[in-house]
Amino acid sequence: MAEKNVIHYPRLDTVLMVEEFMREHSGEFKKKALWESLPKKMMYQTFCTIFDYLLQSGKIATDKEGKIAWIYNPELVKKYTEREELAVR
């Protein structure tokens, strides 16, 4: 992650709440609209810290319109890693 001055780091329950909301509303919102629609209000800087973490960890992605989609799927990854013909060499 890029270094930046973070005034307030999010608590774990806040990160989990944002993750759950993004999973449930995948592809519906752009960044600011998503922040405004969260069930619990937070500072925009805190939301941006969570957003950057999720983006860099590969859990979310944005399309060309700026809408955010949840892309993390550990069950699918496990399914494909168990297939011998798809093994990394």
PDB file of N, CA and C in Angstrom:
ATOM      1  N   MET A   1       0.839  -1.180   0.000  1.00  0.00           N
ATOM      2  CA  MET A   1       0.000   0.000   0.000  1.00  0.00           C
ATOM      3  C   MET A   1       0.881   1.240   0.000  1.00  0.00           C
ATOM      4  N   ALA A   2       0.412   2.235  -0.655  1.00  0.00           N
ATOM      5  CA  ALA A   2       1.154   3.488  -0.700  1.00  0.00           C
ATOM      6  C   ALA A   2       1.110   4.154   0.671  1.00  0.00           C
ATOM      7  N   GLU A   3       2.224   4.765   1.040  1.00  0.00           N
ATOM      8  CA  GLU A   3       2.268   5.465   2.318  1.00  0.00           C
ATOM      9  C   GLU A   3       1.466   6.756   2.218  1.00  0.00           C
ATOM     10  N   LYS A   4       0.654   6.989   3.229  1.00  0.00           N
ATOM     11  CA  LYS A   4      -0.087   8.236   3.305  1.00  0.00           C
ATOM     12  C   LYS A   4      -0.381   8.531   4.763  1.00  0.00           C
ATOM     13  N   ASN A   5      -0.699   9.754   5.029  1.00  0.00           N
ATOM     14  CA  ASN A   5      -0.995  10.153   6.406  1.00  0.00           C
ATOM     15  C   ASN A   5      -2.420   9.747   6.746  1.00  0.00           C
ATOM     16  N   VAL A   6      -2.551   8.720   7.563  1.00  0.00           N
ATOM     17  CA  VAL A   6      -3.866   8.238   7.980  1.00  0.00           C
ATOM     18  C   VAL A   6      -4.121   8.743   9.384  1.00  0.00           C
ATOM     19  N   ILE A   7      -5.182   9.515   9.530  1.00  0.00           N
ATOM     20  CA  ILE A   7      -5.527  10.080  10.832  1.00  0.00           C
ATOM     21  C   ILE A   7      -6.191   9.021  11.715  1.00  0.00           C
ATOM     22  N   HIS A   8      -7.018   8.191  11.099  1.00  0.00           N
ATOM     23  CA  HIS A   8      -7.784   7.215  11.864  1.00  0.00           C
ATOM     24  C   HIS A   8      -7.814   5.890  11.108  1.00  0.00           C
ATOM     25  N   TYR A   9      -7.228   4.848  11.702  1.00  0.00           N
ATOM     26  CA  TYR A   9      -7.294   3.529  11.102  1.00  0.00           C
ATOM     27  C   TYR A   9      -8.612   2.868  11.491  1.00  0.00           C
ATOM     28  N   PRO A  10      -9.221   2.139  10.565  1.00  0.00           N
ATOM     29  CA  PRO A  10     -10.516   1.514  10.862  1.00  0.00           C
ATOM     30  C   PRO A  10     -10.384   0.332  11.812  1.00  0.00           C
ATOM     31  N   ARG A  11     -11.434   0.108  12.586  1.00  0.00           N
ATOM     32  CA  ARG A  11     -11.494  -1.058  13.455  1.00  0.00           C
ATOM     33  C   ARG A  11     -11.901  -2.258  12.622  1.00  0.00           C
ATOM     34  N   LEU A  12     -11.608  -3.450  13.117  1.00  0.00           N
ATOM     35  CA  LEU A  12     -11.910  -4.673  12.384  1.00  0.00           C
ATOM     36  C   LEU A  12     -13.401  -4.801  12.075  1.00  0.00           C
ATOM     37  N   ASP A  13     -14.260  -4.483  13.041  1.00  0.00           N
ATOM     38  CA  ASP A  13     -15.699  -4.609  12.795  1.00  0.00           C
ATOM     39  C   ASP A  13     -16.156  -3.674  11.681  1.00  0.00           C
ATOM     40  N   THR A  14     -15.502  -2.530  11.539  1.00  0.00           N
ATOM     41  CA  THR A  14     -15.840  -1.593  10.474  1.00  0.00           C
ATOM     42  C   THR A  14     -15.412  -2.150   9.117  1.00  0.00           C
ATOM     43  N   VAL A  15     -14.219  -2.722   9.053  1.00  0.00           N
ATOM     44  CA  VAL A  15     -13.737  -3.330   7.809  1.00  0.00           C
ATOM     45  C   VAL A  15     -14.667  -4.466   7.392  1.00  0.00           C
ATOM     46  N   LEU A  16     -15.052  -5.312   8.342  1.00  0.00           N
ATOM     47  CA  LEU A  16     -15.945  -6.435   8.048  1.00  0.00           C
ATOM     48  C   LEU A  16     -17.315  -5.960   7.587  1.00  0.00           C
ATOM     49  N   MET A  17     -17.816  -4.872   8.173  1.00  0.00           N
ATOM     50  CA  MET A  17     -19.101  -4.321   7.764  1.00  0.00           C
ATOM     51  C   MET A  17     -19.037  -3.836   6.312  1.00  0.00           C
ATOM     52  N   VAL A  18     -17.958  -3.153   5.951  1.00  0.00           N
ATOM     53  CA  VAL A  18     -17.797  -2.660   4.579  1.00  0.00           C
ATOM     54  C   VAL A  18     -17.667  -3.835   3.618  1.00  0.00           C
ATOM     55  N   GLU A  19     -16.886  -4.854   3.984  1.00  0.00           N
ATOM     56  CA  GLU A  19     -16.752  -6.037   3.138  1.00  0.00           C
ATOM     57  C   GLU A  19     -18.101  -6.694   2.882  1.00  0.00           C
ATOM     58  N   GLU A  20     -18.872  -6.900   3.927  1.00  0.00           N
ATOM     59  CA  GLU A  20     -20.179  -7.542   3.800  1.00  0.00           C
ATOM     60  C   GLU A  20     -21.109  -6.718   2.911  1.00  0.00           C
ATOM     61  N   PHE A  21     -21.127  -5.417   3.103  1.00  0.00           N
ATOM     62  CA  PHE A  21     -21.975  -4.545   2.297  1.00  0.00           C
ATOM     63  C   PHE A  21     -21.557  -4.603   0.823  1.00  0.00           C
ATOM     64  N   MET A  22     -20.252  -4.604   0.569  1.00  0.00           N
ATOM     65  CA  MET A  22     -19.769  -4.677  -0.814  1.00  0.00           C
ATOM     66  C   MET A  22     -20.124  -6.008  -1.456  1.00  0.00           C
ATOM     67  N   ARG A  23     -20.039  -7.095  -0.685  1.00  0.00           N
ATOM     68  CA  ARG A  23     -20.409  -8.412  -1.207  1.00  0.00           C
ATOM     69  C   ARG A  23     -21.883  -8.448  -1.606  1.00  0.00           C
ATOM     70  N   GLU A  24     -22.728  -7.900  -0.747  1.00  0.00           N
ATOM     71  CA  GLU A  24     -24.170  -7.923  -0.990  1.00  0.00           C
ATOM     72  C   GLU A  24     -24.595  -7.001  -2.130  1.00  0.00           C
ATOM     73  N   HIS A  25     -23.853  -5.937  -2.365  1.00  0.00           N
ATOM     74  CA  HIS A  25     -24.236  -4.936  -3.367  1.00  0.00           C
ATOM     75  C   HIS A  25     -23.208  -4.826  -4.486  1.00  0.00           C
ATOM     76  N   SER A  26     -22.590  -5.943  -4.825  1.00  0.00           N
ATOM     77  CA  SER A  26     -21.551  -5.973  -5.846  1.00  0.00           C
ATOM     78  C   SER A  26     -22.084  -5.457  -7.185  1.00  0.00           C
ATOM     79  N   GLY A  27     -21.378  -4.492  -7.750  1.00  0.00           N
ATOM     80  CA  GLY A  27     -21.724  -3.953  -9.057  1.00  0.00           C
ATOM     81  C   GLY A  27     -22.798  -2.883  -9.068  1.00  0.00           C
ATOM     82  N   GLU A  28     -23.326  -2.506  -7.907  1.00  0.00           N
ATOM     83  CA  GLU A  28     -24.422  -1.544  -7.850  1.00  0.00           C
ATOM     84  C   GLU A  28     -23.968  -0.091  -7.702  1.00  0.00           C
ATOM     85  N   PHE A  29     -22.854   0.142  -7.016  1.00  0.00           N
ATOM     86  CA  PHE A  29     -22.471   1.497  -6.644  1.00  0.00           C
ATOM     87  C   PHE A  29     -21.096   1.894  -7.164  1.00  0.00           C
ATOM     88  N   LYS A  30     -20.922   3.200  -7.326  1.00  0.00           N
ATOM     89  CA  LYS A  30     -19.594   3.769  -7.504  1.00  0.00           C
ATOM     90  C   LYS A  30     -19.077   4.091  -6.105  1.00  0.00           C
ATOM     91  N   LYS A  31     -17.824   4.504  -6.012  1.00  0.00           N
ATOM     92  CA  LYS A  31     -17.159   4.650  -4.717  1.00  0.00           C
ATOM     93  C   LYS A  31     -17.900   5.579  -3.754  1.00  0.00           C
ATOM     94  N   LYS A  32     -18.194   6.805  -4.155  1.00  0.00           N
ATOM     95  CA  LYS A  32     -18.823   7.755  -3.235  1.00  0.00           C
ATOM     96  C   LYS A  32     -20.246   7.332  -2.873  1.00  0.00           C
ATOM     97  N   ALA A  33     -20.990   6.817  -3.853  1.00  0.00           N
ATOM     98  CA  ALA A  33     -22.354   6.356  -3.580  1.00  0.00           C
ATOM     99  C   ALA A  33     -22.349   5.170  -2.617  1.00  0.00           C
ATOM    100  N   LEU A  34     -21.347   4.317  -2.737  1.00  0.00           N
ATOM    101  CA  LEU A  34     -21.214   3.190  -1.822  1.00  0.00           C
ATOM    102  C   LEU A  34     -20.987   3.689  -0.402  1.00  0.00           C
ATOM    103  N   TRP A  35     -20.081   4.633  -0.255  1.00  0.00           N
ATOM    104  CA  TRP A  35     -19.792   5.219   1.064  1.00  0.00           C
ATOM    105  C   TRP A  35     -21.055   5.837   1.667  1.00  0.00           C
ATOM    106  N   GLU A  36     -21.813   6.549   0.857  1.00  0.00           N
ATOM    107  CA  GLU A  36     -23.038   7.204   1.352  1.00  0.00           C
ATOM    108  C   GLU A  36     -24.124   6.195   1.715  1.00  0.00           C
ATOM    109  N   SER A  37     -24.067   4.974   1.162  1.00  0.00           N
ATOM    110  CA  SER A  37     -25.100   3.966   1.387  1.00  0.00           C
ATOM    111  C   SER A  37     -24.774   2.976   2.499  1.00  0.00           C
ATOM    112  N   LEU A  38     -23.601   3.073   3.073  1.00  0.00           N
ATOM    113  CA  LEU A  38     -23.217   2.134   4.131  1.00  0.00           C
ATOM    114  C   LEU A  38     -24.192   2.208   5.305  1.00  0.00           C
ATOM    115  N   PRO A  39     -24.449   1.080   5.969  1.00  0.00           N
ATOM    116  CA  PRO A  39     -25.384   1.083   7.090  1.00  0.00           C
ATOM    117  C   PRO A  39     -24.885   1.872   8.300  1.00  0.00           C
ATOM    118  N   LYS A  40     -23.567   2.025   8.412  1.00  0.00           N
ATOM    119  CA  LYS A  40     -22.984   2.769   9.527  1.00  0.00           C
ATOM    120  C   LYS A  40     -22.111   3.874   8.942  1.00  0.00           C
ATOM    121  N   LYS A  41     -22.316   5.091   9.368  1.00  0.00           N
ATOM    122  CA  LYS A  41     -21.560   6.223   8.830  1.00  0.00           C
ATOM    123  C   LYS A  41     -20.131   6.224   9.361  1.00  0.00           C
ATOM    124  N   MET A  42     -19.213   6.701   8.523  1.00  0.00           N
ATOM    125  CA  MET A  42     -17.810   6.811   8.904  1.00  0.00           C
ATOM    126  C   MET A  42     -17.194   7.944   8.115  1.00  0.00           C
ATOM    127  N   MET A  43     -16.018   8.361   8.548  1.00  0.00           N
ATOM    128  CA  MET A  43     -15.299   9.399   7.820  1.00  0.00           C
ATOM    129  C   MET A  43     -14.915   8.860   6.444  1.00  0.00           C
ATOM    130  N   TYR A  44     -14.930   9.736   5.435  1.00  0.00           N
ATOM    131  CA  TYR A  44     -14.591   9.313   4.077  1.00  0.00           C
ATOM    132  C   TYR A  44     -13.153   8.819   4.007  1.00  0.00           C
ATOM    133  N   GLN A  45     -12.244   9.430   4.769  1.00  0.00           N
ATOM    134  CA  GLN A  45     -10.849   8.991   4.773  1.00  0.00           C
ATOM    135  C   GLN A  45     -10.734   7.555   5.300  1.00  0.00           C
ATOM    136  N   THR A  46     -11.500   7.216   6.305  1.00  0.00           N
ATOM    137  CA  THR A  46     -11.498   5.859   6.844  1.00  0.00           C
ATOM    138  C   THR A  46     -12.013   4.889   5.794  1.00  0.00           C
ATOM    139  N   PHE A  47     -13.094   5.263   5.115  1.00  0.00           N
ATOM    140  CA  PHE A  47     -13.636   4.430   4.039  1.00  0.00           C
ATOM    141  C   PHE A  47     -12.598   4.236   2.935  1.00  0.00           C
ATOM    142  N   CYS A  48     -11.896   5.290   2.572  1.00  0.00           N
ATOM    143  CA  CYS A  48     -10.875   5.199   1.518  1.00  0.00           C
ATOM    144  C   CYS A  48      -9.735   4.266   1.919  1.00  0.00           C
ATOM    145  N   THR A  49      -9.385   4.259   3.200  1.00  0.00           N
ATOM    146  CA  THR A  49      -8.350   3.341   3.689  1.00  0.00           C
ATOM    147  C   THR A  49      -8.815   1.896   3.513  1.00  0.00           C
ATOM    148  N   ILE A  50     -10.053   1.606   3.875  1.00  0.00           N
ATOM    149  CA  ILE A  50     -10.616   0.262   3.705  1.00  0.00           C
ATOM    150  C   ILE A  50     -10.702  -0.078   2.214  1.00  0.00           C
ATOM    151  N   PHE A  51     -11.182   0.856   1.413  1.00  0.00           N
ATOM    152  CA  PHE A  51     -11.328   0.652  -0.027  1.00  0.00           C
ATOM    153  C   PHE A  51      -9.980   0.313  -0.663  1.00  0.00           C
ATOM    154  N   ASP A  52      -8.941   1.078  -0.333  1.00  0.00           N
ATOM    155  CA  ASP A  52      -7.606   0.833  -0.881  1.00  0.00           C
ATOM    156  C   ASP A  52      -7.090  -0.544  -0.482  1.00  0.00           C
ATOM    157  N   TYR A  53      -7.326  -0.931   0.766  1.00  0.00           N
ATOM    158  CA  TYR A  53      -6.912  -2.259   1.231  1.00  0.00           C
ATOM    159  C   TYR A  53      -7.605  -3.355   0.423  1.00  0.00           C
ATOM    160  N   LEU A  54      -8.924  -3.251   0.250  1.00  0.00           N
ATOM    161  CA  LEU A  54      -9.679  -4.272  -0.475  1.00  0.00           C
ATOM    162  C   LEU A  54      -9.276  -4.331  -1.945  1.00  0.00           C
ATOM    163  N   LEU A  55      -9.002  -3.190  -2.538  1.00  0.00           N
ATOM    164  CA  LEU A  55      -8.582  -3.129  -3.935  1.00  0.00           C
ATOM    165  C   LEU A  55      -7.209  -3.776  -4.119  1.00  0.00           C
ATOM    166  N   GLN A  56      -6.280  -3.439  -3.251  1.00  0.00           N
ATOM    167  CA  GLN A  56      -4.918  -3.964  -3.378  1.00  0.00           C
ATOM    168  C   GLN A  56      -4.813  -5.436  -2.978  1.00  0.00           C
ATOM    169  N   SER A  57      -5.728  -5.906  -2.146  1.00  0.00           N
ATOM    170  CA  SER A  57      -5.694  -7.315  -1.747  1.00  0.00           C
ATOM    171  C   SER A  57      -6.438  -8.206  -2.739  1.00  0.00           C
ATOM    172  N   GLY A  58      -7.030  -7.616  -3.769  1.00  0.00           N
ATOM    173  CA  GLY A  58      -7.700  -8.394  -4.806  1.00  0.00           C
ATOM    174  C   GLY A  58      -9.093  -8.856  -4.448  1.00  0.00           C
ATOM    175  N   LYS A  59      -9.713  -8.219  -3.483  1.00  0.00           N
ATOM    176  CA  LYS A  59     -11.067  -8.606  -3.104  1.00  0.00           C
ATOM    177  C   LYS A  59     -12.129  -7.847  -3.893  1.00  0.00           C
ATOM    178  N   ILE A  60     -11.798  -6.658  -4.369  1.00  0.00           N
ATOM    179  CA  ILE A  60     -12.732  -5.873  -5.164  1.00  0.00           C
ATOM    180  C   ILE A  60     -12.031  -5.384  -6.425  1.00  0.00           C
ATOM    181  N   ALA A  61     -12.841  -4.968  -7.396  1.00  0.00           N
ATOM    182  CA  ALA A  61     -12.324  -4.375  -8.626  1.00  0.00           C
ATOM    183  C   ALA A  61     -13.344  -3.333  -9.087  1.00  0.00           C
ATOM    184  N   THR A  62     -12.895  -2.416  -9.919  1.00  0.00           N
ATOM    185  CA  THR A  62     -13.798  -1.422 -10.477  1.00  0.00           C
ATOM    186  C   THR A  62     -13.868  -1.604 -11.987  1.00  0.00           C
ATOM    187  N   ASP A  63     -15.049  -1.362 -12.551  1.00  0.00           N
ATOM    188  CA  ASP A  63     -15.178  -1.464 -13.997  1.00  0.00           C
ATOM    189  C   ASP A  63     -14.909  -0.107 -14.632  1.00  0.00           C
ATOM    190  N   LYS A  64     -15.063  -0.016 -15.953  1.00  0.00           N
ATOM    191  CA  LYS A  64     -14.741   1.228 -16.647  1.00  0.00           C
ATOM    192  C   LYS A  64     -15.682   2.369 -16.279  1.00  0.00           C
ATOM    193  N   GLU A  65     -16.860   2.053 -15.750  1.00  0.00           N
ATOM    194  CA  GLU A  65     -17.798   3.090 -15.293  1.00  0.00           C
ATOM    195  C   GLU A  65     -17.513   3.531 -13.863  1.00  0.00           C
ATOM    196  N   GLY A  66     -16.632   2.822 -13.170  1.00  0.00           N
ATOM    197  CA  GLY A  66     -16.313   3.151 -11.789  1.00  0.00           C
ATOM    198  C   GLY A  66     -17.125   2.383 -10.766  1.00  0.00           C
ATOM    199  N   LYS A  67     -17.977   1.457 -11.209  1.00  0.00           N
ATOM    200  CA  LYS A  67     -18.758   0.646 -10.279  1.00  0.00           C
ATOM    201  C   LYS A  67     -17.863  -0.416  -9.663  1.00  0.00           C
ATOM    202  N   ILE A  68     -18.143  -0.732  -8.426  1.00  0.00           N
ATOM    203  CA  ILE A  68     -17.296  -1.628  -7.640  1.00  0.00           C
ATOM    204  C   ILE A  68     -17.930  -3.012  -7.569  1.00  0.00           C
ATOM    205  N   ALA A  69     -17.117  -4.040  -7.814  1.00  0.00           N
ATOM    206  CA  ALA A  69     -17.596  -5.420  -7.757  1.00  0.00           C
ATOM    207  C   ALA A  69     -16.732  -6.231  -6.805  1.00  0.00           C
ATOM    208  N   TRP A  70     -17.360  -7.122  -6.069  1.00  0.00           N
ATOM    209  CA  TRP A  70     -16.671  -8.055  -5.189  1.00  0.00           C
ATOM    210  C   TRP A  70     -16.195  -9.210  -6.052  1.00  0.00           C
ATOM    211  N   ILE A  71     -14.896  -9.482  -6.088  1.00  0.00           N
ATOM    212  CA  ILE A  71     -14.361 -10.532  -6.957  1.00  0.00           C
ATOM    213  C   ILE A  71     -13.690 -11.665  -6.191  1.00  0.00           C
ATOM    214  N   TYR A  72     -13.534 -11.545  -4.898  1.00  0.00           N
ATOM    215  CA  TYR A  72     -12.843 -12.559  -4.100  1.00  0.00           C
ATOM    216  C   TYR A  72     -13.739 -13.773  -3.924  1.00  0.00           C
ATOM    217  N   ASN A  73     -13.234 -14.951  -4.304  1.00  0.00           N
ATOM    218  CA  ASN A  73     -14.021 -16.168  -4.216  1.00  0.00           C
ATOM    219  C   ASN A  73     -13.106 -17.335  -3.833  1.00  0.00           C
ATOM    220  N   PRO A  74     -12.852 -17.552  -2.535  1.00  0.00           N
ATOM    221  CA  PRO A  74     -11.921 -18.596  -2.116  1.00  0.00           C
ATOM    222  C   PRO A  74     -12.389 -20.015  -2.465  1.00  0.00           C
ATOM    223  N   GLU A  75     -13.707 -20.255  -2.523  1.00  0.00           N
ATOM    224  CA  GLU A  75     -14.200 -21.584  -2.877  1.00  0.00           C
ATOM    225  C   GLU A  75     -13.834 -21.935  -4.314  1.00  0.00           C
ATOM    226  N   LEU A  76     -13.964 -20.968  -5.215  1.00  0.00           N
ATOM    227  CA  LEU A  76     -13.616 -21.197  -6.609  1.00  0.00           C
ATOM    228  C   LEU A  76     -12.114 -21.411  -6.767  1.00  0.00           C
ATOM    229  N   VAL A  77     -11.316 -20.652  -6.027  1.00  0.00           N
ATOM    230  CA  VAL A  77      -9.865 -20.829  -6.071  1.00  0.00           C
ATOM    231  C   VAL A  77      -9.498 -22.231  -5.602  1.00  0.00           C
ATOM    232  N   LYS A  78     -10.105 -22.688  -4.514  1.00  0.00           N
ATOM    233  CA  LYS A  78      -9.831 -24.028  -3.998  1.00  0.00           C
ATOM    234  C   LYS A  78     -10.207 -25.093  -5.013  1.00  0.00           C
ATOM    235  N   LYS A  79     -11.344 -24.914  -5.676  1.00  0.00           N
ATOM    236  CA  LYS A  79     -11.804 -25.870  -6.684  1.00  0.00           C
ATOM    237  C   LYS A  79     -10.775 -26.028  -7.802  1.00  0.00           C
ATOM    238  N   TYR A  80     -10.242 -24.901  -8.269  1.00  0.00           N
ATOM    239  CA  TYR A  80      -9.284 -24.960  -9.369  1.00  0.00           C
ATOM    240  C   TYR A  80      -7.891 -25.402  -8.928  1.00  0.00           C
ATOM    241  N   THR A  81      -7.486 -25.087  -7.730  1.00  0.00           N
ATOM    242  CA  THR A  81      -6.155 -25.506  -7.262  1.00  0.00           C
ATOM    243  C   THR A  81      -6.098 -27.001  -6.982  1.00  0.00           C
ATOM    244  N   GLU A  82      -7.235 -27.625  -6.773  1.00  0.00           N
ATOM    245  CA  GLU A  82      -7.276 -29.075  -6.542  1.00  0.00           C
ATOM    246  C   GLU A  82      -7.192 -29.873  -7.844  1.00  0.00           C
ATOM    247  N   ARG A  83      -7.410 -29.237  -8.981  1.00  0.00           N
ATOM    248  CA  ARG A  83      -7.336 -29.925 -10.277  1.00  0.00           C
ATOM    249  C   ARG A  83      -5.874 -30.064 -10.698  1.00  0.00           C
ATOM    250  N   GLU A  84      -5.462 -31.311 -10.898  1.00  0.00           N
ATOM    251  CA  GLU A  84      -4.078 -31.613 -11.239  1.00  0.00           C
ATOM    252  C   GLU A  84      -3.650 -31.012 -12.571  1.00  0.00           C
ATOM    253  N   GLU A  85      -4.534 -30.988 -13.555  1.00  0.00           N
ATOM    254  CA  GLU A  85      -4.169 -30.478 -14.875  1.00  0.00           C
ATOM    255  C   GLU A  85      -3.967 -28.960 -14.886  1.00  0.00           C
ATOM    256  N   LEU A  86      -4.352 -28.284 -13.809  1.00  0.00           N
ATOM    257  CA  LEU A  86      -4.178 -26.843 -13.708  1.00  0.00           C
ATOM    258  C   LEU A  86      -3.060 -26.462 -12.738  1.00  0.00           C
ATOM    259  N   ALA A  87      -2.231 -27.398 -12.363  1.00  0.00           N
ATOM    260  CA  ALA A  87      -1.170 -27.156 -11.383  1.00  0.00           C
ATOM    261  C   ALA A  87      -0.122 -26.185 -11.928  1.00  0.00           C
ATOM    262  N   VAL A  88       0.445 -25.399 -11.038  1.00  0.00           N
ATOM    263  CA  VAL A  88       1.515 -24.486 -11.399  1.00  0.00           C
ATOM    264  C   VAL A  88       2.801 -25.288 -11.493  1.00  0.00           C
ATOM    265  N   ARG A  89       3.547 -25.075 -12.585  1.00  0.00           N
ATOM    266  CA  ARG A  89       4.789 -25.846 -12.779  1.00  0.00           C
ATOM    267  C   ARG A  89       5.981 -25.008 -12.586  1.00  0.00           C
TER     268      ARG A  89
END
